[in-house]
């Protein structure tokens, strides 16, 4: 039976393979690396934990179905056009191409992970030199990038786990059956002789090997561990803080002081509840779905396909009587948007009704409420009193009318017409926002102009063996890059600026990534031996002028983005 999926923002049930919520426009999170590992049978610890998580449709982890790379038939496989006066190659990895290019003294602080045809991973520096040989297995790139930033990284070699530094030097021997990264408290979970415990960065045992499973410590110093088929939480001294009485305990995240727990009911269905850091049960395991809003200390719940919400103390704010609920935009928002029978209203976070569910659409920015009814669009304050303009910084938020989306400003004026199927991004905080029309994406500016027409694809990838992850189209401009990659129908990548102008490149590429922290972007030419089932690329790195800065050898089949290490 296909699992139901829900929007993390409004709780709306998502359509199969949906990339964005059809109600609030929130992007659906991609499959995380630790979840992908479940499919190949490797890494028993994650397989066991994530198997429980997948069984509970209500747990606050949201995934999208893995799909193949979006491509068009008959892509011509091209070769790099090399200028012999400028390009020098190095078989082992790659090399900076233009000797005349002035060296950035900061470039020696960057590295990128790469993977060879044997599935082994390593790392190169921004000069293209291999700083960690491709001898390591378990290529979870996103996890390892974060670990290498802090200096010590969990890795697998010859079926055993240990830890290396940024130069690939073995710091803790490869003697463990399984392992994970170090947490901020300097402890890492490792498995030895079938049992899990925790070691410090010198490899010394800090918490005994007595658990059947163990996870990394969360921000609050608690780690989920398993014993005799039940999960609980311990602190860094090994003291039990949440007793072993649940089938699954979700790791504390996003500074939340409560977390979800999972149990089966009498019918064998998985049900969700909430516990706090002291192990006190805030909500019993009776809900189909739970999600915590850490910025507002509100818990969203679902039961029998209806939604309600609670305070983190366990006090009910709204009963499970609504078709969807979500918190208004803004870190200090005290507004809950509610949908009932295809009409909208809103409540304060203490449960007081501000406007009843009788309007065509309602949205909120901080504590100001946008109301849409027929042709009327106006703003209310948190007491329900109409205001002519929202004070403070520029406000531009999305609104829906007759199933189509547009943007409205703080004066109640429609600046982007209601003609899009969905949209992403806070237009009031950035210069452009992503919009979708008939399955294609582009960008509009604050004047409502479609500066990048909605004709581009959003690519999905099955796993990290293929280049990239879910295209972060809604967040593409957050770091204010000069250019972002976009994919037209003909199957090549183009880089566009906020005005829709193309970056000049020496030649076309079949694939391209966002620019890394050092200003390089990975671009690929599809190889002759590439197939629909397994895409293979010859990789280069270009800078923001479109110039080739690094050229990698053909035995490198996957590359990551450059990231800075201290």
Foldseek 3Di string as FASTA:
>chain_A
DDAWFADQFKRFTDDAQDQADLPAGHGFDEDAALLLVLVVVPDVQSVLQVVVVVQQSAFNDGYHAFDAWDADPPFDFDDDDDDVVFQDADAQWKAFGGPPDDDDPQQQQKKWKFEFPVQFIFIAGLGGHTQAHRQWHDCNRVQQVVQQQVFKGWTHHPQFIAIAGNSNDGQGDRQFNHWGGADPVQWIWTHDPQFIFIAGSNRHGQGDRDFNHWDYAEPVQWIWTHDPQFIFIAGSNRHTQADRDFNHWDHDDDPAQKTKTWDADPVRHIFIFIAGRNNHTLGDRPFSHWHADRLAQKIWTEDPQFIFIAHVNNHGQGDRQFNIWRFADDSQAQKIWTEHPQFIFIAGVNNHGQGDRPFNKWGDHRQKIWTHHPPDIFIAGNNNHTDQFDDDAKAKGWIADPQFIFIATRRRDTQADRQFSHWAEGQSVDQWTWTAHPQFIFIAGSNNHRLGDRQFHFIAHNHVLDEDHGPPRGCLCVVPDQWAWTHGRNQWIFTAGPNRDTQDAPDIFNDWHRAAPVQKIKTWRFDPPADSVHTFTFIFIAGSNNHTGMGTHRRTGYMGHMDGHD
